Amino acid sequence: MKEDISIAKAIAIVLERNPHLRQEGIAHDVLQWYLCRMEGWFATDADAISLQCWDQEVLLPGGHGLMVRGYRPVINTLAKGLDIRLGHRVVEIVRHWNRVEVTVSNGKTFVADAAVITVPLGVLKSNTIKFEPRLPEWKEEAIRELSVGVENKIVLHFSEVFWPNVEFLGVVSSTTYGCSYFLNLHKATGHAVLVYMPAGRLACDIEKMSDEAAAQFAFSQLKKILPNAAEPLNYLVSHWGSDENTLGSYTFDGVGKPRDLYEKLRIPVDNLFFAGEATSVQYTGTVHGAFSTGEMAAEECRMRVLEKFRELDMLEMCHPMAEQTATVSVPLLISRL
């Protein structure tokens, strides 16, 4: 692997070698705003984004869409007929050759033939879930070396619309830290709502504020675009970086990190199967990446259980007079939340 550098360093080298390409004034600020948009895409700062890997994601055809009602209708549809246990925070996963034991914070233990692990990468990196025995070194390395970023949303709800009918409103600045942008939800939903979307160090710094202070900061950014903006009626603030259920927003390609880390995170360990956006080689950091790897892990898990059934059938055929027959448990779908 050739020596990798960050996007920010690459731009600095290009400008140093080609001074005539340097931008000044509003042109420089607009360049910073585009870098700000890139930082939002990767949920980290330009000095942490890999030059070699930043464009490796496979984009699906078609334009962007917005889930007007959120993902709840999708989740409710997929959840029909399933035994889902909410309010169960997993603290330990013990794997045996013929079963998996999942213990939750209230002390209860669930036993299954296999388990599919889809917790966010940030949670895996925090080691709040104990694996017994420990995961192999190559799996722990993938968890340790993969990078997870932070992008938050501060939703501002107004009494009426006073902004232009565009998809985004942007604030330009001489640095990406000072740049920002708002997503116009009125265009898609009809509601007078703007969503401020800070990423990287800016998002982490805002998480240290109270929700009220964060909303006021977002509103102050909006007033840089629209000085006569009306005060918001109410607001919602996400905390993806500090929320114990996420500890980050999504994965990004860090500088100098090999691309096979995603595949290493996805590869099963005995009867433990892994899924989620951080295990997707092509669609890292996306919902469709999480969904497709979930389907893949579920199928691998199903095949393992079927294989176990076949082994038991063969065992019973070889020992028809056995006094005891092995019992097979059906895997439970367990949620951490």
Protein backbone atom coordinates (compact mmCIF):
# COMPACT_ATOMS: atom_id res chain seq x y z
CA MET A 1 0.00 0.00 0.00
CA LYS A 2 1.42 3.37 -1.02
CA GLU A 3 1.84 6.01 1.64
CA ASP A 4 -1.51 7.63 2.29
CA ILE A 5 -2.17 11.24 3.24
CA SER A 6 -5.26 13.20 4.18
CA ILE A 7 -7.43 15.21 1.81
CA ALA A 8 -6.42 18.40 3.63
CA LYS A 9 -2.71 17.65 3.26
CA ALA A 10 -3.13 16.76 -0.41
CA ILE A 11 -4.81 20.10 -1.12
CA ALA A 12 -2.07 21.92 0.79
CA ILE A 13 0.62 20.18 -1.28
CA VAL A 14 -1.14 21.00 -4.56
CA LEU A 15 -1.48 24.68 -3.63
CA GLU A 16 2.13 24.85 -2.45
CA ARG A 17 3.37 23.46 -5.75
CA ASN A 18 0.91 25.51 -7.80
CA PRO A 19 0.55 28.93 -6.15
CA HIS A 20 -1.52 30.19 -9.08
CA LEU A 21 -4.32 27.85 -7.99
CA ARG A 22 -4.71 29.54 -4.62
CA GLN A 23 -8.08 31.16 -4.10
CA GLU A 24 -8.80 34.38 -2.27
CA GLY A 25 -11.85 36.10 -0.90
CA ILE A 26 -15.23 34.55 -1.61
CA ALA A 27 -13.69 31.92 -3.94
CA HIS A 28 -11.55 30.64 -1.05
CA ASP A 29 -14.54 30.63 1.29
CA VAL A 30 -16.65 28.68 -1.22
CA LEU A 31 -13.86 26.09 -1.51
CA GLN A 32 -13.93 25.73 2.28
CA TRP A 33 -17.69 25.26 2.13
CA TYR A 34 -17.33 22.42 -0.37
CA LEU A 35 -14.76 20.82 1.92
CA CYS A 36 -17.27 21.30 4.73
CA ARG A 37 -19.81 19.32 2.69
CA MET A 38 -17.22 16.58 2.21
CA GLU A 39 -16.63 16.54 5.96
CA GLY A 40 -20.36 16.09 6.43
CA TRP A 41 -20.33 13.17 4.00
CA PHE A 42 -17.56 11.43 5.96
CA ALA A 43 -18.56 12.78 9.41
CA THR A 44 -15.02 13.92 10.12
CA ASP A 45 -12.54 16.67 9.27
CA ALA A 46 -10.63 16.86 6.00
CA ASP A 47 -7.35 16.21 7.83
CA ALA A 48 -8.65 12.74 8.79
CA ILE A 49 -10.10 11.64 5.42
CA SER A 50 -7.98 9.26 3.35
CA LEU A 51 -6.87 10.53 -0.05
CA GLN A 52 -6.52 6.98 -1.37
CA CYS A 53 -9.93 5.77 -0.26
CA TRP A 54 -12.24 8.78 -0.14
CA ASP A 55 -13.83 7.95 -3.51
CA GLN A 56 -14.06 4.16 -3.12
CA GLU A 57 -17.72 4.05 -2.14
CA VAL A 58 -20.07 2.68 -4.80
CA LEU A 59 -22.94 5.08 -5.41
CA LEU A 60 -26.37 3.70 -6.17
CA PRO A 61 -28.09 5.05 -9.29
CA GLY A 62 -30.73 7.74 -8.96
CA GLY A 63 -30.97 10.91 -6.92
CA HIS A 64 -31.21 11.45 -3.19
CA GLY A 65 -34.47 10.76 -1.43
CA LEU A 66 -35.87 11.70 1.96
CA MET A 67 -37.84 9.39 4.22
CA VAL A 68 -40.61 11.85 4.97
CA ARG A 69 -42.03 9.74 7.81
CA GLY A 70 -38.62 8.55 8.94
CA TYR A 71 -37.54 4.91 9.03
CA ARG A 72 -40.23 3.78 11.45
CA PRO A 73 -42.56 2.44 8.70
CA VAL A 74 -39.67 0.39 7.30
CA ILE A 75 -38.72 -0.94 10.73
CA ASN A 76 -42.33 -1.77 11.61
CA THR A 77 -42.76 -3.67 8.36
CA LEU A 78 -39.56 -5.67 8.80
CA ALA A 79 -40.38 -6.38 12.46
CA LYS A 80 -43.74 -8.05 11.79
CA GLY A 81 -43.86 -11.54 13.24
CA LEU A 82 -40.52 -11.26 15.03
CA ASP A 83 -39.82 -11.63 18.75
CA ILE A 84 -38.00 -8.37 19.51
CA ARG A 85 -36.98 -7.56 23.07
CA LEU A 86 -36.61 -3.84 23.72
CA GLY A 87 -34.93 -2.40 26.80
CA HIS A 88 -32.28 -5.15 26.89
CA ARG A 89 -28.74 -3.76 26.94
CA VAL A 90 -26.24 -6.48 26.05
CA VAL A 91 -23.23 -6.66 28.38
CA GLU A 92 -21.70 -10.04 27.53
CA ILE A 93 -21.68 -12.51 24.65
CA VAL A 94 -20.34 -16.01 25.35
CA ARG A 95 -19.87 -18.36 22.44
CA HIS A 96 -19.69 -22.14 22.67
CA TRP A 97 -19.27 -24.61 19.85
CA ASN A 98 -23.00 -25.37 19.87
CA ARG A 99 -24.65 -22.23 21.26
CA VAL A 100 -24.35 -18.55 22.10
CA GLU A 101 -25.27 -17.01 25.46
CA VAL A 102 -26.20 -13.32 25.44
CA THR A 103 -26.42 -11.64 28.84
CA VAL A 104 -28.16 -8.29 29.30
CA SER A 105 -27.79 -5.64 31.98
CA ASN A 106 -30.62 -6.98 34.16
CA GLY A 107 -28.79 -10.29 34.48
CA LYS A 108 -31.03 -12.28 32.16
CA THR A 109 -29.33 -14.58 29.65
CA PHE A 110 -30.67 -15.58 26.24
CA VAL A 111 -29.44 -18.80 24.62
CA ALA A 112 -29.43 -19.33 20.87
CA ASP A 113 -27.70 -21.42 18.23
CA ALA A 114 -26.03 -18.33 16.80
CA ALA A 115 -26.13 -14.55 17.07
CA VAL A 116 -26.02 -11.68 14.59
CA ILE A 117 -24.21 -8.65 16.03
CA THR A 118 -25.21 -5.31 14.53
CA VAL A 119 -24.27 -2.84 17.26
CA PRO A 120 -22.63 0.38 16.00
CA LEU A 121 -18.87 0.43 15.51
CA GLY A 122 -18.52 3.05 18.25
CA VAL A 123 -20.11 0.66 20.76
CA LEU A 124 -17.80 -2.17 19.70
CA LYS A 125 -14.80 0.15 20.06
CA SER A 126 -15.88 1.13 23.59
CA ASN A 127 -15.60 -2.49 24.81
CA THR A 128 -18.84 -2.15 26.77
CA ILE A 129 -19.81 -5.60 25.49
CA LYS A 130 -17.56 -8.37 26.80
CA PHE A 131 -16.86 -11.26 24.44
CA GLU A 132 -15.98 -14.59 26.01
CA PRO A 133 -13.72 -15.99 24.78
CA ARG A 134 -12.13 -12.86 23.33
CA LEU A 135 -12.57 -12.22 19.65
CA PRO A 136 -9.59 -13.19 17.47
CA GLU A 137 -6.83 -10.61 17.13
CA TRP A 138 -7.69 -9.91 13.47
CA LYS A 139 -11.27 -9.10 14.48
CA GLU A 140 -10.19 -6.87 17.37
CA GLU A 141 -7.76 -5.13 15.01
CA ALA A 142 -10.59 -4.35 12.58
CA ILE A 143 -12.68 -2.88 15.40
CA ARG A 144 -9.72 -0.92 16.72
CA GLU A 145 -8.43 0.41 13.38
CA LEU A 146 -11.69 1.36 11.67
CA SER A 147 -12.63 5.02 12.08
CA VAL A 148 -16.01 6.33 13.17
CA GLY A 149 -17.05 9.94 12.73
CA VAL A 150 -19.68 12.28 14.12
CA GLU A 151 -22.32 14.27 12.28
CA ASN A 152 -25.22 15.68 14.25
CA LYS A 153 -28.53 17.26 13.43
CA ILE A 154 -30.06 20.27 15.13
CA VAL A 155 -33.67 20.57 14.00
CA LEU A 156 -35.19 24.06 14.13
CA HIS A 157 -38.98 24.37 13.80
CA PHE A 158 -40.36 27.79 12.84
CA SER A 159 -43.84 29.27 12.70
CA GLU A 160 -43.51 30.05 9.00
CA VAL A 161 -41.11 29.75 6.09
CA PHE A 162 -38.89 32.79 5.49
CA TRP A 163 -36.13 31.17 3.43
CA PRO A 164 -35.80 30.41 -0.31
CA ASN A 165 -37.14 27.16 -1.75
CA VAL A 166 -33.76 25.44 -2.13
CA GLU A 167 -32.42 22.11 -0.89
CA PHE A 168 -29.55 23.56 1.15
CA LEU A 169 -28.63 26.87 2.76
CA GLY A 170 -24.90 27.34 3.28
CA VAL A 171 -22.67 29.52 5.46
CA VAL A 172 -19.24 30.16 3.94
CA SER A 173 -16.15 30.99 5.97
CA SER A 174 -12.37 31.10 5.70
CA THR A 175 -12.16 27.69 7.44
CA THR A 176 -14.25 24.54 7.21
CA TYR A 177 -14.83 24.76 10.97
CA GLY A 178 -16.62 28.05 10.41
CA CYS A 179 -18.67 26.78 7.48
CA SER A 180 -22.04 25.12 7.91
CA TYR A 181 -25.18 24.18 6.07
CA PHE A 182 -28.88 23.66 6.65
CA LEU A 183 -31.14 21.08 5.04
CA ASN A 184 -34.49 22.54 4.04
CA LEU A 185 -37.15 20.04 5.12
CA HIS A 186 -39.97 22.31 3.98
CA LYS A 187 -39.09 21.48 0.40
CA ALA A 188 -39.88 17.80 1.01
CA THR A 189 -42.36 17.78 3.90
CA GLY A 190 -44.21 21.08 3.79
CA HIS A 191 -43.21 21.85 7.38
CA ALA A 192 -41.30 25.00 8.33
CA VAL A 193 -38.19 23.11 9.45
CA LEU A 194 -34.48 23.61 8.86
CA VAL A 195 -31.85 21.07 9.96
CA TYR A 196 -28.38 22.29 10.88
CA MET A 197 -25.80 19.54 10.23
CA PRO A 198 -22.36 20.03 11.86
CA ALA A 199 -19.71 17.32 11.44
CA GLY A 200 -16.29 16.39 12.76
CA ARG A 201 -14.69 18.46 15.50
CA LEU A 202 -17.43 21.08 15.24
CA ALA A 203 -20.09 18.44 15.93
CA CYS A 204 -18.11 17.11 18.89
CA ASP A 205 -17.67 20.60 20.31
CA ILE A 206 -21.38 21.34 19.98
CA GLU A 207 -22.20 18.10 21.83
CA LYS A 208 -20.51 19.61 24.88
CA MET A 209 -23.17 22.33 24.94
CA SER A 210 -26.64 22.11 26.40
CA ASP A 211 -29.40 21.47 23.87
CA GLU A 212 -30.59 25.05 24.26
CA ALA A 213 -27.10 26.43 23.64
CA ALA A 214 -26.65 24.13 20.64
CA ALA A 215 -29.94 25.32 19.14
CA GLN A 216 -28.94 28.94 19.73
CA PHE A 217 -25.60 28.31 18.03
CA ALA A 218 -27.37 26.82 15.02
CA PHE A 219 -29.74 29.79 14.92
CA SER A 220 -26.78 32.20 15.06
CA GLN A 221 -25.37 30.45 11.99
CA LEU A 222 -28.70 30.82 10.21
CA LYS A 223 -28.74 34.56 10.96
CA LYS A 224 -25.45 34.87 9.08
CA ILE A 225 -27.44 33.88 5.98
CA LEU A 226 -30.76 35.48 6.87
CA PRO A 227 -30.22 38.34 9.36
CA ASN A 228 -33.97 38.82 9.86
CA ALA A 229 -34.67 35.16 10.63
CA ALA A 230 -37.45 34.58 13.16
CA GLU A 231 -36.72 32.72 16.39
CA PRO A 232 -37.52 28.98 16.23
CA LEU A 233 -40.58 27.70 18.08
CA ASN A 234 -38.80 24.57 19.27
CA TYR A 235 -35.82 22.36 18.48
CA LEU A 236 -34.39 18.85 18.63
CA VAL A 237 -30.68 18.06 19.05
CA SER A 238 -28.96 14.74 18.33
CA HIS A 239 -25.91 13.48 20.25
CA TRP A 240 -24.57 10.68 18.06
CA GLY A 241 -21.02 11.01 19.38
CA SER A 242 -21.83 10.80 23.09
CA ASP A 243 -25.02 8.70 23.06
CA GLU A 244 -24.05 5.41 24.74
CA ASN A 245 -26.14 3.51 22.19
CA THR A 246 -24.14 4.83 19.21
CA LEU A 247 -20.86 6.56 20.23
CA GLY A 248 -20.50 7.89 16.70
CA SER A 249 -22.50 8.40 13.53
CA TYR A 250 -20.94 6.20 10.85
CA THR A 251 -17.66 4.82 9.57
CA PHE A 252 -15.21 6.66 7.31
CA ASP A 253 -11.94 5.82 5.56
CA GLY A 254 -9.15 6.94 7.86
CA VAL A 255 -5.68 7.87 6.64
CA GLY A 256 -3.40 4.88 6.14
CA LYS A 257 -6.02 2.26 6.97
CA PRO A 258 -6.39 -0.74 4.62
CA ARG A 259 -9.73 -1.27 2.90
CA ASP A 260 -9.93 -4.91 4.01
CA LEU A 261 -10.80 -3.82 7.55
CA TYR A 262 -14.49 -3.68 6.58
CA GLU A 263 -14.40 -7.25 5.33
CA LYS A 264 -12.52 -8.40 8.44
CA LEU A 265 -15.22 -6.87 10.61
CA ARG A 266 -17.90 -8.67 8.58
CA ILE A 267 -16.34 -12.18 8.61
CA PRO A 268 -18.10 -14.48 11.14
CA VAL A 269 -16.35 -15.85 14.20
CA ASP A 270 -17.66 -19.36 14.76
CA ASN A 271 -21.39 -18.86 15.43
CA LEU A 272 -21.17 -15.06 15.74
CA PHE A 273 -22.14 -13.11 12.63
CA PHE A 274 -21.52 -9.41 12.11
CA ALA A 275 -23.47 -6.82 10.13
CA GLY A 276 -23.95 -3.06 9.90
CA GLU A 277 -22.70 -0.18 7.80
CA ALA A 278 -19.16 -0.65 9.14
CA THR A 279 -19.05 -4.15 7.62
CA SER A 280 -20.06 -3.01 4.14
CA VAL A 281 -17.17 -2.73 1.69
CA GLN A 282 -19.15 -0.93 -1.01
CA TYR A 283 -21.70 1.09 0.96
CA THR A 284 -19.90 2.14 4.13
CA GLY A 285 -21.71 4.71 6.24
CA THR A 286 -25.12 4.17 4.64
CA VAL A 287 -28.46 2.65 5.55
CA HIS A 288 -28.43 0.45 2.46
CA GLY A 289 -24.98 -0.78 3.50
CA ALA A 290 -26.34 -1.74 6.90
CA PHE A 291 -29.42 -3.36 5.37
CA SER A 292 -27.56 -5.42 2.76
CA THR A 293 -24.98 -6.73 5.25
CA GLY A 294 -27.82 -7.57 7.64
CA GLU A 295 -29.45 -9.71 4.97
CA MET A 296 -26.11 -11.38 4.27
CA ALA A 297 -25.43 -12.12 7.94
CA ALA A 298 -28.97 -13.43 8.45
CA GLU A 299 -28.58 -15.83 5.54
CA GLU A 300 -25.20 -17.04 6.80
CA CYS A 301 -26.72 -17.53 10.24
CA ARG A 302 -29.68 -19.42 8.77
CA MET A 303 -27.39 -21.73 6.83
CA ARG A 304 -25.37 -22.48 9.96
CA VAL A 305 -28.52 -23.39 11.91
CA LEU A 306 -29.73 -25.60 9.06
CA GLU A 307 -26.33 -27.26 8.96
CA LYS A 308 -26.62 -27.94 12.67
CA PHE A 309 -30.06 -29.49 12.16
CA ARG A 310 -28.63 -31.78 9.48
CA GLU A 311 -25.78 -32.81 11.77
CA LEU A 312 -28.26 -33.63 14.52
CA ASP A 313 -30.43 -35.62 12.10
CA MET A 314 -27.39 -37.64 11.05
CA LEU A 315 -26.45 -38.17 14.70
CA GLU A 316 -29.93 -39.48 15.50
CA MET A 317 -29.82 -41.80 12.49
CA CYS A 318 -26.50 -43.23 13.68
CA HIS A 319 -27.74 -43.64 17.28
CA PRO A 320 -31.45 -44.50 17.10
CA MET A 321 -31.49 -45.97 20.62
CA ALA A 322 -30.01 -42.92 22.31
CA GLU A 323 -31.91 -42.04 25.47
CA GLN A 324 -31.51 -38.29 25.04
CA THR A 325 -31.88 -36.19 21.95
CA ALA A 326 -30.21 -32.83 21.59
CA THR A 327 -32.47 -29.81 21.79
CA VAL A 328 -32.14 -27.01 19.30
CA SER A 329 -33.10 -23.48 20.29
CA VAL A 330 -34.38 -20.95 17.81
CA PRO A 331 -32.23 -17.81 17.56
CA LEU A 332 -33.80 -14.73 19.12
CA LEU A 333 -33.60 -11.32 17.53
CA ILE A 334 -32.22 -9.23 20.39
CA SER A 335 -32.02 -5.46 20.43
CA ARG A 336 -29.59 -3.53 22.61
CA LEU A 337 -32.09 -0.73 23.12
